[in-house]
């Protein structure tokens, strides 16, 4: 796997937080850290950014 930011090598790593231990990946070149949740959220944001947007309704009253 290659890093999306710098195309460097990615290694699996275990991360320890205050309340949880999780596994993810870390780029050995730039230090980018991500896991499944980060990837899922990035994918969701990308889908929102590329989806066609609906037109907002006009707030003006009609003919009054």
PDB file of N, CA and C in Angstrom:
ATOM      1  N   UNK A   1       0.834  -1.172   0.000  1.00  0.00           N
ATOM      2  CA  UNK A   1       0.000   0.000   0.000  1.00  0.00           C
ATOM      3  C   UNK A   1       0.883   1.241   0.000  1.00  0.00           C
ATOM      4  N   UNK A   2       0.424   2.276  -0.686  1.00  0.00           N
ATOM      5  CA  UNK A   2       1.183   3.527  -0.756  1.00  0.00           C
ATOM      6  C   UNK A   2       0.374   4.663  -0.150  1.00  0.00           C
ATOM      7  N   UNK A   3       1.076   5.614   0.399  1.00  0.00           N
ATOM      8  CA  UNK A   3       0.467   6.787   1.031  1.00  0.00           C
ATOM      9  C   UNK A   3      -0.196   7.670  -0.026  1.00  0.00           C
ATOM     10  N   UNK A   4      -1.408   8.132   0.252  1.00  0.00           N
ATOM     11  CA  UNK A   4      -2.111   9.038  -0.663  1.00  0.00           C
ATOM     12  C   UNK A   4      -1.476  10.413  -0.685  1.00  0.00           C
ATOM     13  N   UNK A   5      -0.835  10.799   0.395  1.00  0.00           N
ATOM     14  CA  UNK A   5      -0.248  12.131   0.490  1.00  0.00           C
ATOM     15  C   UNK A   5       1.079  12.223  -0.252  1.00  0.00           C
ATOM     16  N   UNK A   6       1.995  11.228  -0.026  1.00  0.00           N
ATOM     17  CA  UNK A   6       3.352  11.359  -0.574  1.00  0.00           C
ATOM     18  C   UNK A   6       3.814  10.146  -1.383  1.00  0.00           C
ATOM     19  N   UNK A   7       2.977   9.125  -1.500  1.00  0.00           N
ATOM     20  CA  UNK A   7       3.290   7.870  -2.203  1.00  0.00           C
ATOM     21  C   UNK A   7       4.391   7.069  -1.510  1.00  0.00           C
ATOM     22  N   UNK A   8       4.630   7.354  -0.233  1.00  0.00           N
ATOM     23  CA  UNK A   8       5.608   6.596   0.547  1.00  0.00           C
ATOM     24  C   UNK A   8       5.051   5.250   0.985  1.00  0.00           C
ATOM     25  N   UNK A   9       5.894   4.452   1.622  1.00  0.00           N
ATOM     26  CA  UNK A   9       5.498   3.133   2.092  1.00  0.00           C
ATOM     27  C   UNK A   9       4.647   3.233   3.356  1.00  0.00           C
ATOM     28  N   UNK A  10       3.629   2.379   3.444  1.00  0.00           N
ATOM     29  CA  UNK A  10       2.719   2.335   4.592  1.00  0.00           C
ATOM     30  C   UNK A  10       3.017   1.077   5.395  1.00  0.00           C
ATOM     31  N   UNK A  11       3.033   1.219   6.725  1.00  0.00           N
ATOM     32  CA  UNK A  11       3.228   0.059   7.593  1.00  0.00           C
ATOM     33  C   UNK A  11       2.060  -0.037   8.569  1.00  0.00           C
ATOM     34  N   UNK A  12       1.646  -1.252   8.915  1.00  0.00           N
ATOM     35  CA  UNK A  12       0.601  -1.394   9.933  1.00  0.00           C
ATOM     36  C   UNK A  12       1.178  -1.031  11.295  1.00  0.00           C
ATOM     37  N   UNK A  13       0.336  -0.432  12.136  1.00  0.00           N
ATOM     38  CA  UNK A  13       0.798  -0.030  13.455  1.00  0.00           C
ATOM     39  C   UNK A  13      -0.363  -0.063  14.440  1.00  0.00           C
ATOM     40  N   UNK A  14      -0.068  -0.317  15.696  1.00  0.00           N
ATOM     41  CA  UNK A  14      -1.066  -0.298  16.767  1.00  0.00           C
ATOM     42  C   UNK A  14      -0.921   1.023  17.511  1.00  0.00           C
ATOM     43  N   UNK A  15      -2.047   1.695  17.725  1.00  0.00           N
ATOM     44  CA  UNK A  15      -2.063   2.994  18.386  1.00  0.00           C
ATOM     45  C   UNK A  15      -2.783   2.878  19.719  1.00  0.00           C
ATOM     46  N   UNK A  16      -2.266   3.559  20.700  1.00  0.00           N
ATOM     47  CA  UNK A  16      -2.809   3.506  22.052  1.00  0.00           C
ATOM     48  C   UNK A  16      -3.313   4.890  22.430  1.00  0.00           C
ATOM     49  N   UNK A  17      -4.618   4.982  22.694  1.00  0.00           N
ATOM     50  CA  UNK A  17      -5.213   6.235  23.138  1.00  0.00           C
ATOM     51  C   UNK A  17      -5.589   6.135  24.605  1.00  0.00           C
ATOM     52  N   UNK A  18      -6.237   7.161  25.113  1.00  0.00           N
ATOM     53  CA  UNK A  18      -6.655   7.156  26.514  1.00  0.00           C
ATOM     54  C   UNK A  18      -7.707   6.095  26.796  1.00  0.00           C
ATOM     55  N   UNK A  19      -8.620   5.914  25.851  1.00  0.00           N
ATOM     56  CA  UNK A  19      -9.729   4.996  26.078  1.00  0.00           C
ATOM     57  C   UNK A  19      -9.726   3.775  25.173  1.00  0.00           C
ATOM     58  N   UNK A  20      -8.865   3.743  24.185  1.00  0.00           N
ATOM     59  CA  UNK A  20      -8.939   2.647  23.225  1.00  0.00           C
ATOM     60  C   UNK A  20      -7.571   2.338  22.619  1.00  0.00           C
ATOM     61  N   UNK A  21      -7.494   1.133  22.124  1.00  0.00           N
ATOM     62  CA  UNK A  21      -6.348   0.689  21.340  1.00  0.00           C
ATOM     63  C   UNK A  21      -6.908   0.381  19.955  1.00  0.00           C
ATOM     64  N   UNK A  22      -6.287   0.910  18.916  1.00  0.00           N
ATOM     65  CA  UNK A  22      -6.777   0.596  17.579  1.00  0.00           C
ATOM     66  C   UNK A  22      -5.611   0.361  16.651  1.00  0.00           C
ATOM     67  N   UNK A  23      -5.911  -0.337  15.582  1.00  0.00           N
ATOM     68  CA  UNK A  23      -4.896  -0.627  14.583  1.00  0.00           C
ATOM     69  C   UNK A  23      -5.159   0.196  13.341  1.00  0.00           C
ATOM     70  N   UNK A  24      -4.100   0.661  12.745  1.00  0.00           N
ATOM     71  CA  UNK A  24      -4.197   1.477  11.549  1.00  0.00           C
ATOM     72  C   UNK A  24      -2.921   1.360  10.752  1.00  0.00           C
ATOM     73  N   UNK A  25      -2.657   2.383   9.950  1.00  0.00           N
ATOM     74  CA  UNK A  25      -1.464   2.399   9.117  1.00  0.00           C
ATOM     75  C   UNK A  25      -0.754   3.730   9.292  1.00  0.00           C
ATOM     76  N   UNK A  26       0.554   3.715   9.092  1.00  0.00           N
ATOM     77  CA  UNK A  26       1.359   4.924   9.192  1.00  0.00           C
ATOM     78  C   UNK A  26       2.349   4.948   8.038  1.00  0.00           C
ATOM     79  N   UNK A  27       2.470   6.116   7.425  1.00  0.00           N
ATOM     80  CA  UNK A  27       3.448   6.300   6.352  1.00  0.00           C
ATOM     81  C   UNK A  27       4.809   6.541   6.985  1.00  0.00           C
ATOM     82  N   UNK A  28       5.809   5.798   6.541  1.00  0.00           N
ATOM     83  CA  UNK A  28       7.138   5.961   7.122  1.00  0.00           C
ATOM     84  C   UNK A  28       7.867   7.176   6.546  1.00  0.00           C
ATOM     85  N   UNK A  29       7.332   7.770   5.482  1.00  0.00           N
ATOM     86  CA  UNK A  29       7.973   8.939   4.882  1.00  0.00           C
ATOM     87  C   UNK A  29       7.433  10.252   5.468  1.00  0.00           C
ATOM     88  N   UNK A  30       6.100  10.424   5.468  1.00  0.00           N
ATOM     89  CA  UNK A  30       5.530  11.710   5.900  1.00  0.00           C
ATOM     90  C   UNK A  30       4.835  11.651   7.254  1.00  0.00           C
ATOM     91  N   UNK A  31       4.566  10.446   7.773  1.00  0.00           N
ATOM     92  CA  UNK A  31       3.939  10.319   9.082  1.00  0.00           C
ATOM     93  C   UNK A  31       2.427  10.310   9.073  1.00  0.00           C
ATOM     94  N   UNK A  32       1.791  10.329   7.916  1.00  0.00           N
ATOM     95  CA  UNK A  32       0.334  10.261   7.817  1.00  0.00           C
ATOM     96  C   UNK A  32      -0.172   9.019   8.536  1.00  0.00           C
ATOM     97  N   UNK A  33      -1.194   9.194   9.389  1.00  0.00           N
ATOM     98  CA  UNK A  33      -1.767   8.082  10.149  1.00  0.00           C
ATOM     99  C   UNK A  33      -3.237   7.975   9.779  1.00  0.00           C
ATOM    100  N   UNK A  34      -3.700   6.776   9.513  1.00  0.00           N
ATOM    101  CA  UNK A  34      -5.114   6.577   9.206  1.00  0.00           C
ATOM    102  C   UNK A  34      -5.515   5.151   9.551  1.00  0.00           C
ATOM    103  N   UNK A  35      -6.824   4.950   9.660  1.00  0.00           N
ATOM    104  CA  UNK A  35      -7.392   3.634   9.939  1.00  0.00           C
ATOM    105  C   UNK A  35      -8.663   3.488   9.104  1.00  0.00           C
ATOM    106  N   UNK A  36      -9.411   2.434   9.365  1.00  0.00           N
ATOM    107  CA  UNK A  36     -10.624   2.173   8.577  1.00  0.00           C
ATOM    108  C   UNK A  36     -11.650   3.295   8.719  1.00  0.00           C
ATOM    109  N   UNK A  37     -11.793   3.852   9.913  1.00  0.00           N
ATOM    110  CA  UNK A  37     -12.763   4.924  10.142  1.00  0.00           C
ATOM    111  C   UNK A  37     -12.380   6.167   9.351  1.00  0.00           C
ATOM    112  N   UNK A  38     -11.118   6.529   9.354  1.00  0.00           N
ATOM    113  CA  UNK A  38     -10.648   7.689   8.597  1.00  0.00           C
ATOM    114  C   UNK A  38     -10.905   7.474   7.108  1.00  0.00           C
ATOM    115  N   UNK A  39     -10.580   6.297   6.607  1.00  0.00           N
ATOM    116  CA  UNK A  39     -10.799   6.010   5.187  1.00  0.00           C
ATOM    117  C   UNK A  39     -12.284   6.069   4.824  1.00  0.00           C
ATOM    118  N   UNK A  40     -13.138   5.530   5.678  1.00  0.00           N
ATOM    119  CA  UNK A  40     -14.588   5.544   5.443  1.00  0.00           C
ATOM    120  C   UNK A  40     -15.100   6.988   5.420  1.00  0.00           C
ATOM    121  N   UNK A  41     -14.658   7.808   6.366  1.00  0.00           N
ATOM    122  CA  UNK A  41     -15.094   9.201   6.409  1.00  0.00           C
ATOM    123  C   UNK A  41     -14.603   9.984   5.195  1.00  0.00           C
ATOM    124  N   UNK A  42     -13.378   9.769   4.784  1.00  0.00           N
ATOM    125  CA  UNK A  42     -12.857  10.446   3.590  1.00  0.00           C
ATOM    126  C   UNK A  42     -13.654  10.052   2.359  1.00  0.00           C
ATOM    127  N   UNK A  43     -14.000   8.773   2.262  1.00  0.00           N
ATOM    128  CA  UNK A  43     -14.783   8.287   1.127  1.00  0.00           C
ATOM    129  C   UNK A  43     -16.169   8.934   1.125  1.00  0.00           C
ATOM    130  N   UNK A  44     -16.792   9.043   2.302  1.00  0.00           N
ATOM    131  CA  UNK A  44     -18.114   9.669   2.405  1.00  0.00           C
ATOM    132  C   UNK A  44     -18.059  11.131   2.002  1.00  0.00           C
ATOM    133  N   UNK A  45     -17.036  11.849   2.458  1.00  0.00           N
ATOM    134  CA  UNK A  45     -16.899  13.252   2.093  1.00  0.00           C
ATOM    135  C   UNK A  45     -16.667  13.422   0.601  1.00  0.00           C
ATOM    136  N   UNK A  46     -15.900  12.512   0.016  1.00  0.00           N
ATOM    137  CA  UNK A  46     -15.644  12.576  -1.426  1.00  0.00           C
ATOM    138  C   UNK A  46     -16.934  12.360  -2.199  1.00  0.00           C
ATOM    139  N   UNK A  47     -17.769  11.421  -1.748  1.00  0.00           N
ATOM    140  CA  UNK A  47     -19.044  11.177  -2.416  1.00  0.00           C
ATOM    141  C   UNK A  47     -19.943  12.404  -2.327  1.00  0.00           C
ATOM    142  N   UNK A  48     -19.961  13.070  -1.169  1.00  0.00           N
ATOM    143  CA  UNK A  48     -20.776  14.277  -1.019  1.00  0.00           C
ATOM    144  C   UNK A  48     -20.283  15.394  -1.920  1.00  0.00           C
ATOM    145  N   UNK A  49     -18.981  15.535  -2.021  1.00  0.00           N
ATOM    146  CA  UNK A  49     -18.408  16.622  -2.820  1.00  0.00           C
ATOM    147  C   UNK A  49     -18.656  16.425  -4.308  1.00  0.00           C
ATOM    148  N   UNK A  50     -18.785  15.196  -4.759  1.00  0.00           N
ATOM    149  CA  UNK A  50     -18.954  14.939  -6.189  1.00  0.00           C
ATOM    150  C   UNK A  50     -20.405  14.677  -6.587  1.00  0.00           C
ATOM    151  N   UNK A  51     -21.319  14.593  -5.613  1.00  0.00           N
ATOM    152  CA  UNK A  51     -22.717  14.333  -5.956  1.00  0.00           C
ATOM    153  C   UNK A  51     -23.371  15.622  -6.446  1.00  0.00           C
ATOM    154  N   UNK A  52     -24.343  15.486  -7.363  1.00  0.00           N
ATOM    155  CA  UNK A  52     -25.023  16.688  -7.851  1.00  0.00           C
ATOM    156  C   UNK A  52     -25.818  17.332  -6.717  1.00  0.00           C
ATOM    157  N   UNK A  53     -25.746  18.652  -6.651  1.00  0.00           N
ATOM    158  CA  UNK A  53     -26.439  19.358  -5.570  1.00  0.00           C
ATOM    159  C   UNK A  53     -27.831  19.784  -6.032  1.00  0.00           C
ATOM    160  N   UNK A  54     -28.764  19.741  -5.076  1.00  0.00           N
ATOM    161  CA  UNK A  54     -30.114  20.201  -5.372  1.00  0.00           C
ATOM    162  C   UNK A  54     -30.168  21.711  -5.248  1.00  0.00           C
ATOM    163  N   UNK A  55     -31.003  22.331  -6.057  1.00  0.00           N
ATOM    164  CA  UNK A  55     -31.165  23.780  -5.978  1.00  0.00           C
ATOM    165  C   UNK A  55     -31.910  24.135  -4.703  1.00  0.00           C
ATOM    166  N   UNK A  56     -31.480  25.194  -4.082  1.00  0.00           N
ATOM    167  CA  UNK A  56     -32.163  25.682  -2.883  1.00  0.00           C
ATOM    168  C   UNK A  56     -33.497  26.301  -3.280  1.00  0.00           C
ATOM    169  N   UNK A  57     -34.483  26.150  -2.416  1.00  0.00           N
ATOM    170  CA  UNK A  57     -35.771  26.766  -2.678  1.00  0.00           C
ATOM    171  C   UNK A  57     -35.679  28.263  -2.494  1.00  0.00           C
ATOM    172  N   UNK A  58     -36.419  28.966  -3.304  1.00  0.00           N
ATOM    173  CA  UNK A  58     -36.441  30.422  -3.186  1.00  0.00           C
ATOM    174  C   UNK A  58     -37.220  30.805  -1.940  1.00  0.00           C
ATOM    175  N   UNK A  59     -36.743  31.788  -1.203  1.00  0.00           N
ATOM    176  CA  UNK A  59     -37.433  32.217   0.012  1.00  0.00           C
ATOM    177  C   UNK A  59     -38.380  33.389  -0.275  1.00  0.00           C
ATOM    178  N   UNK A  60     -38.368  33.867  -1.533  1.00  0.00           N
ATOM    179  CA  UNK A  60     -39.283  34.976  -1.877  1.00  0.00           C
ATOM    180  C   UNK A  60     -40.692  34.452  -2.019  1.00  0.00           C
ATOM    181  N   UNK A  61     -41.638  35.266  -1.611  1.00  0.00           N
ATOM    182  CA  UNK A  61     -43.040  34.861  -1.772  1.00  0.00           C
ATOM    183  C   UNK A  61     -43.419  35.015  -3.240  1.00  0.00           C
ATOM    184  N   UNK A  62     -44.320  34.204  -3.680  1.00  0.00           N
ATOM    185  CA  UNK A  62     -44.691  34.173  -5.099  1.00  0.00           C
ATOM    186  C   UNK A  62     -45.739  35.252  -5.399  1.00  0.00           C
ATOM    187  N   UNK A  63     -45.380  36.332  -6.095  1.00  0.00           N
ATOM    188  CA  UNK A  63     -46.308  37.333  -6.572  1.00  0.00           C
ATOM    189  C   UNK A  63     -46.870  38.242  -5.492  1.00  0.00           C
ATOM    190  N   UNK A  64     -46.333  38.243  -4.339  1.00  0.00           N
ATOM    191  CA  UNK A  64     -46.888  39.114  -3.289  1.00  0.00           C
ATOM    192  C   UNK A  64     -45.914  40.133  -2.875  1.00  0.00           C
TER     193      UNK A  64
END
